[in-house]
């Protein structure tokens, strides 16, 4: 994977560990609910990650977009499927999503570097 992906993963892991060291029940519970939400249920994990990616793009959260792209790829989402997800996000979110689409594709390209 590319440098951008490596930096993202390292920072995310480091900071999640740091945050969860604190004795804050609300934060720990929120993190737990977030994790549980993406477990398989009536919807499979792949579908939930694609939904998370659309929501992240519409809400314009670049960290969330990167995370869900990683998870989508781990769940076997193809690039063609990702671009359909991107198109849903554009229709729902409008042109303000375009800068985040650019960064999403750059992150995806960085992921695919060997």
PDB file of N, CA and C in Angstrom:
ATOM      1  N   UNK A   1       0.837  -1.180   0.000  1.00  0.00           N
ATOM      2  CA  UNK A   1       0.000   0.000   0.000  1.00  0.00           C
ATOM      3  C   UNK A   1       0.877   1.237   0.000  1.00  0.00           C
ATOM      4  N   UNK A   2       0.288   2.322  -0.412  1.00  0.00           N
ATOM      5  CA  UNK A   2       1.023   3.560  -0.510  1.00  0.00           C
ATOM      6  C   UNK A   2       1.220   4.251   0.831  1.00  0.00           C
ATOM      7  N   UNK A   3       2.033   5.274   0.790  1.00  0.00           N
ATOM      8  CA  UNK A   3       2.400   6.016   1.996  1.00  0.00           C
ATOM      9  C   UNK A   3       1.188   6.651   2.679  1.00  0.00           C
ATOM     10  N   UNK A   4       0.299   7.207   1.876  1.00  0.00           N
ATOM     11  CA  UNK A   4      -0.895   7.853   2.445  1.00  0.00           C
ATOM     12  C   UNK A   4      -1.730   6.859   3.256  1.00  0.00           C
ATOM     13  N   UNK A   5      -1.900   5.661   2.738  1.00  0.00           N
ATOM     14  CA  UNK A   5      -2.675   4.621   3.428  1.00  0.00           C
ATOM     15  C   UNK A   5      -1.959   4.189   4.700  1.00  0.00           C
ATOM     16  N   UNK A   6      -0.662   3.995   4.604  1.00  0.00           N
ATOM     17  CA  UNK A   6       0.116   3.602   5.782  1.00  0.00           C
ATOM     18  C   UNK A   6       0.023   4.659   6.888  1.00  0.00           C
ATOM     19  N   UNK A   7       0.142   5.921   6.511  1.00  0.00           N
ATOM     20  CA  UNK A   7       0.040   7.010   7.498  1.00  0.00           C
ATOM     21  C   UNK A   7      -1.351   7.051   8.127  1.00  0.00           C
ATOM     22  N   UNK A   8      -2.369   6.898   7.311  1.00  0.00           N
ATOM     23  CA  UNK A   8      -3.743   6.895   7.815  1.00  0.00           C
ATOM     24  C   UNK A   8      -3.944   5.773   8.832  1.00  0.00           C
ATOM     25  N   UNK A   9      -3.530   4.572   8.469  1.00  0.00           N
ATOM     26  CA  UNK A   9      -3.701   3.423   9.374  1.00  0.00           C
ATOM     27  C   UNK A   9      -2.922   3.595  10.677  1.00  0.00           C
ATOM     28  N   UNK A  10      -1.697   4.071  10.580  1.00  0.00           N
ATOM     29  CA  UNK A  10      -0.868   4.249  11.777  1.00  0.00           C
ATOM     30  C   UNK A  10      -1.469   5.293  12.714  1.00  0.00           C
ATOM     31  N   UNK A  11      -1.883   6.426  12.165  1.00  0.00           N
ATOM     32  CA  UNK A  11      -2.460   7.489  12.986  1.00  0.00           C
ATOM     33  C   UNK A  11      -3.770   7.029  13.622  1.00  0.00           C
ATOM     34  N   UNK A  12      -4.608   6.385  12.843  1.00  0.00           N
ATOM     35  CA  UNK A  12      -5.901   5.918  13.350  1.00  0.00           C
ATOM     36  C   UNK A  12      -5.702   4.934  14.497  1.00  0.00           C
ATOM     37  N   UNK A  13      -4.827   3.968  14.318  1.00  0.00           N
ATOM     38  CA  UNK A  13      -4.558   2.983  15.369  1.00  0.00           C
ATOM     39  C   UNK A  13      -3.999   3.634  16.625  1.00  0.00           C
ATOM     40  N   UNK A  14      -3.023   4.507  16.444  1.00  0.00           N
ATOM     41  CA  UNK A  14      -2.386   5.182  17.577  1.00  0.00           C
ATOM     42  C   UNK A  14      -3.407   5.996  18.367  1.00  0.00           C
ATOM     43  N   UNK A  15      -4.203   6.769  17.677  1.00  0.00           N
ATOM     44  CA  UNK A  15      -5.139   7.655  18.362  1.00  0.00           C
ATOM     45  C   UNK A  15      -6.320   6.892  18.969  1.00  0.00           C
ATOM     46  N   UNK A  16      -6.791   5.848  18.297  1.00  0.00           N
ATOM     47  CA  UNK A  16      -7.859   5.038  18.896  1.00  0.00           C
ATOM     48  C   UNK A  16      -7.377   4.410  20.197  1.00  0.00           C
ATOM     49  N   UNK A  17      -6.154   3.891  20.182  1.00  0.00           N
ATOM     50  CA  UNK A  17      -5.591   3.309  21.395  1.00  0.00           C
ATOM     51  C   UNK A  17      -5.492   4.360  22.502  1.00  0.00           C
ATOM     52  N   UNK A  18      -5.017   5.528  22.143  1.00  0.00           N
ATOM     53  CA  UNK A  18      -4.878   6.622  23.124  1.00  0.00           C
ATOM     54  C   UNK A  18      -6.233   7.023  23.707  1.00  0.00           C
ATOM     55  N   UNK A  19      -7.214   7.200  22.857  1.00  0.00           N
ATOM     56  CA  UNK A  19      -8.554   7.607  23.293  1.00  0.00           C
ATOM     57  C   UNK A  19      -9.173   6.557  24.201  1.00  0.00           C
ATOM     58  N   UNK A  20      -9.040   5.295  23.838  1.00  0.00           N
ATOM     59  CA  UNK A  20      -9.675   4.225  24.606  1.00  0.00           C
ATOM     60  C   UNK A  20      -8.952   3.923  25.916  1.00  0.00           C
ATOM     61  N   UNK A  21      -7.760   4.499  26.120  1.00  0.00           N
ATOM     62  CA  UNK A  21      -7.077   4.373  27.406  1.00  0.00           C
ATOM     63  C   UNK A  21      -7.768   5.194  28.482  1.00  0.00           C
ATOM     64  N   UNK A  22      -8.488   6.215  28.079  1.00  0.00           N
ATOM     65  CA  UNK A  22      -9.169   7.079  29.033  1.00  0.00           C
ATOM     66  C   UNK A  22     -10.356   6.348  29.659  1.00  0.00           C
ATOM     67  N   UNK A  23     -10.668   6.727  30.873  1.00  0.00           N
ATOM     68  CA  UNK A  23     -11.786   6.117  31.585  1.00  0.00           C
ATOM     69  C   UNK A  23     -13.060   6.913  31.287  1.00  0.00           C
ATOM     70  N   UNK A  24     -13.514   6.839  30.027  1.00  0.00           N
ATOM     71  CA  UNK A  24     -14.702   7.567  29.613  1.00  0.00           C
ATOM     72  C   UNK A  24     -15.692   6.572  29.017  1.00  0.00           C
ATOM     73  N   UNK A  25     -16.687   6.244  29.781  1.00  0.00           N
ATOM     74  CA  UNK A  25     -17.651   5.217  29.388  1.00  0.00           C
ATOM     75  C   UNK A  25     -18.420   5.606  28.123  1.00  0.00           C
ATOM     76  N   UNK A  26     -18.789   6.877  27.988  1.00  0.00           N
ATOM     77  CA  UNK A  26     -19.566   7.303  26.820  1.00  0.00           C
ATOM     78  C   UNK A  26     -18.784   7.093  25.529  1.00  0.00           C
ATOM     79  N   UNK A  27     -17.508   7.488  25.526  1.00  0.00           N
ATOM     80  CA  UNK A  27     -16.681   7.305  24.330  1.00  0.00           C
ATOM     81  C   UNK A  27     -16.508   5.822  24.035  1.00  0.00           C
ATOM     82  N   UNK A  28     -16.214   5.026  25.041  1.00  0.00           N
ATOM     83  CA  UNK A  28     -16.036   3.585  24.831  1.00  0.00           C
ATOM     84  C   UNK A  28     -17.312   2.940  24.300  1.00  0.00           C
ATOM     85  N   UNK A  29     -18.445   3.360  24.824  1.00  0.00           N
ATOM     86  CA  UNK A  29     -19.717   2.802  24.352  1.00  0.00           C
ATOM     87  C   UNK A  29     -19.998   3.215  22.909  1.00  0.00           C
ATOM     88  N   UNK A  30     -19.700   4.465  22.576  1.00  0.00           N
ATOM     89  CA  UNK A  30     -19.913   4.903  21.201  1.00  0.00           C
ATOM     90  C   UNK A  30     -19.036   4.097  20.244  1.00  0.00           C
ATOM     91  N   UNK A  31     -17.769   3.941  20.576  1.00  0.00           N
ATOM     92  CA  UNK A  31     -16.873   3.135  19.738  1.00  0.00           C
ATOM     93  C   UNK A  31     -17.429   1.715  19.584  1.00  0.00           C
ATOM     94  N   UNK A  32     -17.951   1.156  20.664  1.00  0.00           N
ATOM     95  CA  UNK A  32     -18.512  -0.194  20.638  1.00  0.00           C
ATOM     96  C   UNK A  32     -19.752  -0.265  19.739  1.00  0.00           C
ATOM     97  N   UNK A  33     -20.639   0.722  19.869  1.00  0.00           N
ATOM     98  CA  UNK A  33     -21.839   0.754  19.023  1.00  0.00           C
ATOM     99  C   UNK A  33     -21.442   0.883  17.557  1.00  0.00           C
ATOM    100  N   UNK A  34     -20.452   1.714  17.275  1.00  0.00           N
ATOM    101  CA  UNK A  34     -19.975   1.871  15.906  1.00  0.00           C
ATOM    102  C   UNK A  34     -19.498   0.535  15.355  1.00  0.00           C
ATOM    103  N   UNK A  35     -18.726  -0.192  16.132  1.00  0.00           N
ATOM    104  CA  UNK A  35     -18.221  -1.503  15.705  1.00  0.00           C
ATOM    105  C   UNK A  35     -19.372  -2.483  15.488  1.00  0.00           C
ATOM    106  N   UNK A  36     -20.288  -2.547  16.437  1.00  0.00           N
ATOM    107  CA  UNK A  36     -21.420  -3.476  16.344  1.00  0.00           C
ATOM    108  C   UNK A  36     -22.316  -3.190  15.146  1.00  0.00           C
ATOM    109  N   UNK A  37     -22.449  -1.923  14.796  1.00  0.00           N
ATOM    110  CA  UNK A  37     -23.315  -1.532  13.683  1.00  0.00           C
ATOM    111  C   UNK A  37     -22.875  -2.164  12.373  1.00  0.00           C
ATOM    112  N   UNK A  38     -21.594  -2.354  12.209  1.00  0.00           N
ATOM    113  CA  UNK A  38     -21.073  -2.891  10.954  1.00  0.00           C
ATOM    114  C   UNK A  38     -20.921  -4.408  10.956  1.00  0.00           C
ATOM    115  N   UNK A  39     -21.329  -5.078  12.033  1.00  0.00           N
ATOM    116  CA  UNK A  39     -21.368  -6.540  12.043  1.00  0.00           C
ATOM    117  C   UNK A  39     -22.477  -7.012  11.115  1.00  0.00           C
ATOM    118  N   UNK A  40     -22.313  -8.219  10.603  1.00  0.00           N
ATOM    119  CA  UNK A  40     -23.349  -8.800   9.738  1.00  0.00           C
ATOM    120  C   UNK A  40     -24.645  -8.954  10.522  1.00  0.00           C
ATOM    121  N   UNK A  41     -25.723  -8.668   9.864  1.00  0.00           N
ATOM    122  CA  UNK A  41     -27.063  -8.833  10.420  1.00  0.00           C
ATOM    123  C   UNK A  41     -27.976  -9.162   9.255  1.00  0.00           C
ATOM    124  N   UNK A  42     -29.094  -8.462   9.160  1.00  0.00           N
ATOM    125  CA  UNK A  42     -29.977  -8.636   7.997  1.00  0.00           C
ATOM    126  C   UNK A  42     -29.268  -8.162   6.726  1.00  0.00           C
ATOM    127  N   UNK A  43     -28.353  -7.202   6.896  1.00  0.00           N
ATOM    128  CA  UNK A  43     -27.481  -6.768   5.800  1.00  0.00           C
ATOM    129  C   UNK A  43     -26.092  -7.342   6.036  1.00  0.00           C
ATOM    130  N   UNK A  44     -25.432  -7.740   4.959  1.00  0.00           N
ATOM    131  CA  UNK A  44     -24.077  -8.255   5.120  1.00  0.00           C
ATOM    132  C   UNK A  44     -23.090  -7.103   5.336  1.00  0.00           C
ATOM    133  N   UNK A  45     -21.892  -7.453   5.775  1.00  0.00           N
ATOM    134  CA  UNK A  45     -20.870  -6.452   6.098  1.00  0.00           C
ATOM    135  C   UNK A  45     -20.503  -5.625   4.863  1.00  0.00           C
ATOM    136  N   UNK A  46     -20.388  -6.263   3.729  1.00  0.00           N
ATOM    137  CA  UNK A  46     -20.034  -5.554   2.485  1.00  0.00           C
ATOM    138  C   UNK A  46     -21.036  -4.433   2.202  1.00  0.00           C
ATOM    139  N   UNK A  47     -22.317  -4.747   2.295  1.00  0.00           N
ATOM    140  CA  UNK A  47     -23.358  -3.748   2.043  1.00  0.00           C
ATOM    141  C   UNK A  47     -23.286  -2.621   3.057  1.00  0.00           C
ATOM    142  N   UNK A  48     -23.094  -2.972   4.333  1.00  0.00           N
ATOM    143  CA  UNK A  48     -23.018  -1.946   5.376  1.00  0.00           C
ATOM    144  C   UNK A  48     -21.829  -1.018   5.156  1.00  0.00           C
ATOM    145  N   UNK A  49     -20.704  -1.546   4.722  1.00  0.00           N
ATOM    146  CA  UNK A  49     -19.537  -0.705   4.458  1.00  0.00           C
ATOM    147  C   UNK A  49     -19.787   0.226   3.274  1.00  0.00           C
ATOM    148  N   UNK A  50     -20.483  -0.267   2.255  1.00  0.00           N
ATOM    149  CA  UNK A  50     -20.807   0.606   1.130  1.00  0.00           C
ATOM    150  C   UNK A  50     -21.769   1.713   1.566  1.00  0.00           C
ATOM    151  N   UNK A  51     -22.728   1.384   2.421  1.00  0.00           N
ATOM    152  CA  UNK A  51     -23.632   2.403   2.964  1.00  0.00           C
ATOM    153  C   UNK A  51     -22.854   3.426   3.788  1.00  0.00           C
ATOM    154  N   UNK A  52     -21.923   2.939   4.600  1.00  0.00           N
ATOM    155  CA  UNK A  52     -21.088   3.830   5.397  1.00  0.00           C
ATOM    156  C   UNK A  52     -20.268   4.765   4.522  1.00  0.00           C
ATOM    157  N   UNK A  53     -19.795   4.247   3.391  1.00  0.00           N
ATOM    158  CA  UNK A  53     -19.019   5.073   2.471  1.00  0.00           C
ATOM    159  C   UNK A  53     -19.881   6.173   1.854  1.00  0.00           C
ATOM    160  N   UNK A  54     -21.092   5.834   1.435  1.00  0.00           N
ATOM    161  CA  UNK A  54     -21.991   6.860   0.886  1.00  0.00           C
ATOM    162  C   UNK A  54     -22.254   7.937   1.938  1.00  0.00           C
ATOM    163  N   UNK A  55     -22.610   7.513   3.147  1.00  0.00           N
ATOM    164  CA  UNK A  55     -22.897   8.487   4.206  1.00  0.00           C
ATOM    165  C   UNK A  55     -21.684   9.364   4.491  1.00  0.00           C
ATOM    166  N   UNK A  56     -20.513   8.766   4.520  1.00  0.00           N
ATOM    167  CA  UNK A  56     -19.290   9.521   4.797  1.00  0.00           C
ATOM    168  C   UNK A  56     -19.001  10.546   3.718  1.00  0.00           C
ATOM    169  N   UNK A  57     -19.253  10.174   2.465  1.00  0.00           N
ATOM    170  CA  UNK A  57     -19.020  11.117   1.375  1.00  0.00           C
ATOM    171  C   UNK A  57     -20.023  12.268   1.438  1.00  0.00           C
ATOM    172  N   UNK A  58     -21.280  11.948   1.703  1.00  0.00           N
ATOM    173  CA  UNK A  58     -22.304  12.993   1.775  1.00  0.00           C
ATOM    174  C   UNK A  58     -22.041  13.921   2.961  1.00  0.00           C
ATOM    175  N   UNK A  59     -21.557  13.353   4.068  1.00  0.00           N
ATOM    176  CA  UNK A  59     -21.236  14.164   5.253  1.00  0.00           C
ATOM    177  C   UNK A  59     -19.859  14.821   5.149  1.00  0.00           C
ATOM    178  N   UNK A  60     -19.109  14.464   4.118  1.00  0.00           N
ATOM    179  CA  UNK A  60     -17.819  15.076   3.785  1.00  0.00           C
ATOM    180  C   UNK A  60     -16.762  14.868   4.865  1.00  0.00           C
ATOM    181  N   UNK A  61     -16.642  13.622   5.299  1.00  0.00           N
ATOM    182  CA  UNK A  61     -15.630  13.265   6.303  1.00  0.00           C
ATOM    183  C   UNK A  61     -14.538  12.446   5.614  1.00  0.00           C
ATOM    184  N   UNK A  62     -13.419  13.086   5.287  1.00  0.00           N
ATOM    185  CA  UNK A  62     -12.354  12.401   4.553  1.00  0.00           C
ATOM    186  C   UNK A  62     -11.782  11.203   5.313  1.00  0.00           C
ATOM    187  N   UNK A  63     -11.611  11.315   6.635  1.00  0.00           N
ATOM    188  CA  UNK A  63     -11.122  10.166   7.402  1.00  0.00           C
ATOM    189  C   UNK A  63     -12.089   8.994   7.302  1.00  0.00           C
ATOM    190  N   UNK A  64     -13.378   9.287   7.420  1.00  0.00           N
ATOM    191  CA  UNK A  64     -14.393   8.232   7.331  1.00  0.00           C
ATOM    192  C   UNK A  64     -14.410   7.617   5.939  1.00  0.00           C
ATOM    193  N   UNK A  65     -14.278   8.450   4.919  1.00  0.00           N
ATOM    194  CA  UNK A  65     -14.241   7.964   3.539  1.00  0.00           C
ATOM    195  C   UNK A  65     -13.065   7.002   3.366  1.00  0.00           C
ATOM    196  N   UNK A  66     -11.895   7.401   3.836  1.00  0.00           N
ATOM    197  CA  UNK A  66     -10.709   6.536   3.720  1.00  0.00           C
ATOM    198  C   UNK A  66     -10.927   5.214   4.439  1.00  0.00           C
ATOM    199  N   UNK A  67     -11.451   5.297   5.659  1.00  0.00           N
ATOM    200  CA  UNK A  67     -11.693   4.076   6.432  1.00  0.00           C
ATOM    201  C   UNK A  67     -12.655   3.141   5.690  1.00  0.00           C
ATOM    202  N   UNK A  68     -13.751   3.695   5.186  1.00  0.00           N
ATOM    203  CA  UNK A  68     -14.739   2.835   4.520  1.00  0.00           C
ATOM    204  C   UNK A  68     -14.231   2.306   3.182  1.00  0.00           C
ATOM    205  N   UNK A  69     -13.373   3.043   2.500  1.00  0.00           N
ATOM    206  CA  UNK A  69     -12.757   2.493   1.288  1.00  0.00           C
ATOM    207  C   UNK A  69     -11.895   1.286   1.660  1.00  0.00           C
ATOM    208  N   UNK A  70     -11.085   1.428   2.704  1.00  0.00           N
ATOM    209  CA  UNK A  70     -10.277   0.290   3.168  1.00  0.00           C
ATOM    210  C   UNK A  70     -11.150  -0.912   3.502  1.00  0.00           C
ATOM    211  N   UNK A  71     -12.200  -0.672   4.269  1.00  0.00           N
ATOM    212  CA  UNK A  71     -13.093  -1.767   4.681  1.00  0.00           C
ATOM    213  C   UNK A  71     -13.827  -2.365   3.484  1.00  0.00           C
ATOM    214  N   UNK A  72     -14.254  -1.516   2.555  1.00  0.00           N
ATOM    215  CA  UNK A  72     -14.918  -2.027   1.351  1.00  0.00           C
ATOM    216  C   UNK A  72     -13.994  -2.962   0.585  1.00  0.00           C
ATOM    217  N   UNK A  73     -12.749  -2.546   0.410  1.00  0.00           N
ATOM    218  CA  UNK A  73     -11.805  -3.402  -0.310  1.00  0.00           C
ATOM    219  C   UNK A  73     -11.567  -4.709   0.444  1.00  0.00           C
ATOM    220  N   UNK A  74     -11.470  -4.631   1.780  1.00  0.00           N
ATOM    221  CA  UNK A  74     -11.309  -5.846   2.591  1.00  0.00           C
ATOM    222  C   UNK A  74     -12.511  -6.786   2.427  1.00  0.00           C
ATOM    223  N   UNK A  75     -13.678  -6.218   2.186  1.00  0.00           N
ATOM    224  CA  UNK A  75     -14.897  -7.009   2.020  1.00  0.00           C
ATOM    225  C   UNK A  75     -15.131  -7.436   0.568  1.00  0.00           C
ATOM    226  N   UNK A  76     -14.174  -7.130  -0.300  1.00  0.00           N
ATOM    227  CA  UNK A  76     -14.249  -7.607  -1.675  1.00  0.00           C
ATOM    228  C   UNK A  76     -14.991  -6.706  -2.649  1.00  0.00           C
ATOM    229  N   UNK A  77     -15.197  -5.458  -2.278  1.00  0.00           N
ATOM    230  CA  UNK A  77     -15.857  -4.515  -3.184  1.00  0.00           C
ATOM    231  C   UNK A  77     -14.893  -4.184  -4.325  1.00  0.00           C
ATOM    232  N   UNK A  78     -15.360  -4.349  -5.538  1.00  0.00           N
ATOM    233  CA  UNK A  78     -14.514  -4.066  -6.709  1.00  0.00           C
ATOM    234  C   UNK A  78     -14.456  -2.560  -6.961  1.00  0.00           C
ATOM    235  N   UNK A  79     -13.512  -2.149  -7.766  1.00  0.00           N
ATOM    236  CA  UNK A  79     -13.423  -0.733  -8.132  1.00  0.00           C
ATOM    237  C   UNK A  79     -14.674  -0.279  -8.881  1.00  0.00           C
ATOM    238  N   UNK A  80     -15.210  -1.133  -9.738  1.00  0.00           N
ATOM    239  CA  UNK A  80     -16.446  -0.782 -10.445  1.00  0.00           C
ATOM    240  C   UNK A  80     -17.586  -0.555  -9.450  1.00  0.00           C
ATOM    241  N   UNK A  81     -17.675  -1.401  -8.430  1.00  0.00           N
ATOM    242  CA  UNK A  81     -18.701  -1.220  -7.402  1.00  0.00           C
ATOM    243  C   UNK A  81     -18.458   0.074  -6.623  1.00  0.00           C
ATOM    244  N   UNK A  82     -17.190   0.356  -6.309  1.00  0.00           N
ATOM    245  CA  UNK A  82     -16.882   1.595  -5.590  1.00  0.00           C
ATOM    246  C   UNK A  82     -17.316   2.816  -6.387  1.00  0.00           C
ATOM    247  N   UNK A  83     -17.095   2.801  -7.689  1.00  0.00           N
ATOM    248  CA  UNK A  83     -17.487   3.958  -8.483  1.00  0.00           C
ATOM    249  C   UNK A  83     -19.008   4.094  -8.557  1.00  0.00           C
ATOM    250  N   UNK A  84     -19.752   2.993  -8.443  1.00  0.00           N
ATOM    251  CA  UNK A  84     -21.207   3.095  -8.336  1.00  0.00           C
ATOM    252  C   UNK A  84     -21.586   3.697  -6.988  1.00  0.00           C
ATOM    253  N   UNK A  85     -20.886   3.295  -5.933  1.00  0.00           N
ATOM    254  CA  UNK A  85     -21.108   3.891  -4.608  1.00  0.00           C
ATOM    255  C   UNK A  85     -20.824   5.390  -4.676  1.00  0.00           C
ATOM    256  N   UNK A  86     -19.714   5.763  -5.315  1.00  0.00           N
ATOM    257  CA  UNK A  86     -19.374   7.177  -5.461  1.00  0.00           C
ATOM    258  C   UNK A  86     -20.485   7.932  -6.194  1.00  0.00           C
ATOM    259  N   UNK A  87     -21.068   7.304  -7.221  1.00  0.00           N
ATOM    260  CA  UNK A  87     -22.117   7.979  -7.981  1.00  0.00           C
ATOM    261  C   UNK A  87     -23.367   8.199  -7.134  1.00  0.00           C
ATOM    262  N   UNK A  88     -23.698   7.251  -6.264  1.00  0.00           N
ATOM    263  CA  UNK A  88     -24.833   7.435  -5.347  1.00  0.00           C
ATOM    264  C   UNK A  88     -24.546   8.614  -4.426  1.00  0.00           C
ATOM    265  N   UNK A  89     -23.342   8.672  -3.894  1.00  0.00           N
ATOM    266  CA  UNK A  89     -22.970   9.776  -2.998  1.00  0.00           C
ATOM    267  C   UNK A  89     -23.066  11.126  -3.710  1.00  0.00           C
ATOM    268  N   UNK A  90     -22.659  11.180  -4.963  1.00  0.00           N
ATOM    269  CA  UNK A  90     -22.746  12.429  -5.721  1.00  0.00           C
ATOM    270  C   UNK A  90     -24.191  12.854  -5.935  1.00  0.00           C
ATOM    271  N   UNK A  91     -25.052  11.902  -6.262  1.00  0.00           N
ATOM    272  CA  UNK A  91     -26.460  12.227  -6.490  1.00  0.00           C
ATOM    273  C   UNK A  91     -27.109  12.701  -5.186  1.00  0.00           C
ATOM    274  N   UNK A  92     -26.810  12.025  -4.096  1.00  0.00           N
ATOM    275  CA  UNK A  92     -27.406  12.390  -2.809  1.00  0.00           C
ATOM    276  C   UNK A  92     -26.813  13.689  -2.275  1.00  0.00           C
ATOM    277  N   UNK A  93     -25.495  13.826  -2.367  1.00  0.00           N
ATOM    278  CA  UNK A  93     -24.813  14.958  -1.757  1.00  0.00           C
ATOM    279  C   UNK A  93     -24.628  16.164  -2.648  1.00  0.00           C
ATOM    280  N   UNK A  94     -24.686  15.978  -3.952  1.00  0.00           N
ATOM    281  CA  UNK A  94     -24.508  17.085  -4.872  1.00  0.00           C
ATOM    282  C   UNK A  94     -23.049  17.393  -5.164  1.00  0.00           C
ATOM    283  N   UNK A  95     -22.842  18.480  -5.858  1.00  0.00           N
ATOM    284  CA  UNK A  95     -21.502  18.813  -6.343  1.00  0.00           C
ATOM    285  C   UNK A  95     -20.504  19.091  -5.228  1.00  0.00           C
ATOM    286  N   UNK A  96     -20.982  19.394  -4.027  1.00  0.00           N
ATOM    287  CA  UNK A  96     -20.054  19.640  -2.911  1.00  0.00           C
ATOM    288  C   UNK A  96     -19.260  18.380  -2.567  1.00  0.00           C
ATOM    289  N   UNK A  97     -19.731  17.233  -3.023  1.00  0.00           N
ATOM    290  CA  UNK A  97     -19.046  15.955  -2.774  1.00  0.00           C
ATOM    291  C   UNK A  97     -17.846  15.776  -3.705  1.00  0.00           C
ATOM    292  N   UNK A  98     -17.788  16.521  -4.805  1.00  0.00           N
ATOM    293  CA  UNK A  98     -16.730  16.308  -5.799  1.00  0.00           C
ATOM    294  C   UNK A  98     -15.316  16.392  -5.216  1.00  0.00           C
ATOM    295  N   UNK A  99     -14.966  17.382  -4.381  1.00  0.00           N
ATOM    296  CA  UNK A  99     -13.612  17.383  -3.812  1.00  0.00           C
ATOM    297  C   UNK A  99     -13.315  16.121  -2.988  1.00  0.00           C
ATOM    298  N   UNK A 100     -14.331  15.604  -2.323  1.00  0.00           N
ATOM    299  CA  UNK A 100     -14.148  14.388  -1.513  1.00  0.00           C
ATOM    300  C   UNK A 100     -14.042  13.163  -2.413  1.00  0.00           C
ATOM    301  N   UNK A 101     -14.720  13.197  -3.543  1.00  0.00           N
ATOM    302  CA  UNK A 101     -14.570  12.147  -4.536  1.00  0.00           C
ATOM    303  C   UNK A 101     -13.140  12.127  -5.055  1.00  0.00           C
ATOM    304  N   UNK A 102     -12.580  13.288  -5.318  1.00  0.00           N
ATOM    305  CA  UNK A 102     -11.186  13.346  -5.783  1.00  0.00           C
ATOM    306  C   UNK A 102     -10.251  12.710  -4.768  1.00  0.00           C
ATOM    307  N   UNK A 103     -10.417  13.086  -3.498  1.00  0.00           N
ATOM    308  CA  UNK A 103      -9.544  12.528  -2.456  1.00  0.00           C
ATOM    309  C   UNK A 103      -9.808  11.039  -2.258  1.00  0.00           C
ATOM    310  N   UNK A 104     -11.050  10.615  -2.424  1.00  0.00           N
ATOM    311  CA  UNK A 104     -11.377   9.192  -2.303  1.00  0.00           C
ATOM    312  C   UNK A 104     -10.664   8.382  -3.383  1.00  0.00           C
ATOM    313  N   UNK A 105     -10.707   8.867  -4.603  1.00  0.00           N
ATOM    314  CA  UNK A 105     -10.050   8.161  -5.705  1.00  0.00           C
ATOM    315  C   UNK A 105      -8.539   8.187  -5.532  1.00  0.00           C
ATOM    316  N   UNK A 106      -7.994   9.294  -5.054  1.00  0.00           N
ATOM    317  CA  UNK A 106      -6.547   9.353  -4.787  1.00  0.00           C
ATOM    318  C   UNK A 106      -6.162   8.345  -3.698  1.00  0.00           C
ATOM    319  N   UNK A 107      -7.000   8.222  -2.670  1.00  0.00           N
ATOM    320  CA  UNK A 107      -6.734   7.249  -1.611  1.00  0.00           C
ATOM    321  C   UNK A 107      -6.808   5.836  -2.162  1.00  0.00           C
ATOM    322  N   UNK A 108      -7.823   5.557  -2.966  1.00  0.00           N
ATOM    323  CA  UNK A 108      -7.966   4.246  -3.601  1.00  0.00           C
ATOM    324  C   UNK A 108      -6.749   3.934  -4.459  1.00  0.00           C
ATOM    325  N   UNK A 109      -6.315   4.890  -5.244  1.00  0.00           N
ATOM    326  CA  UNK A 109      -5.125   4.685  -6.087  1.00  0.00           C
ATOM    327  C   UNK A 109      -3.901   4.418  -5.221  1.00  0.00           C
ATOM    328  N   UNK A 110      -3.773   5.145  -4.110  1.00  0.00           N
ATOM    329  CA  UNK A 110      -2.651   4.938  -3.202  1.00  0.00           C
ATOM    330  C   UNK A 110      -2.696   3.542  -2.588  1.00  0.00           C
ATOM    331  N   UNK A 111      -3.898   3.083  -2.286  1.00  0.00           N
ATOM    332  CA  UNK A 111      -4.060   1.725  -1.727  1.00  0.00           C
ATOM    333  C   UNK A 111      -3.532   0.666  -2.676  1.00  0.00           C
ATOM    334  N   UNK A 112      -3.736   0.888  -3.938  1.00  0.00           N
ATOM    335  CA  UNK A 112      -3.410  -0.125  -4.934  1.00  0.00           C
ATOM    336  C   UNK A 112      -1.944  -0.106  -5.378  1.00  0.00           C
ATOM    337  N   UNK A 113      -1.172   0.848  -4.850  1.00  0.00           N
ATOM    338  CA  UNK A 113       0.263   0.863  -5.133  1.00  0.00           C
ATOM    339  C   UNK A 113       0.931  -0.298  -4.392  1.00  0.00           C
ATOM    340  N   UNK A 114       1.848  -0.904  -5.059  1.00  0.00           N
ATOM    341  CA  UNK A 114       2.559  -2.020  -4.416  1.00  0.00           C
ATOM    342  C   UNK A 114       3.827  -1.574  -3.758  1.00  0.00           C
TER     343      UNK A 114
END
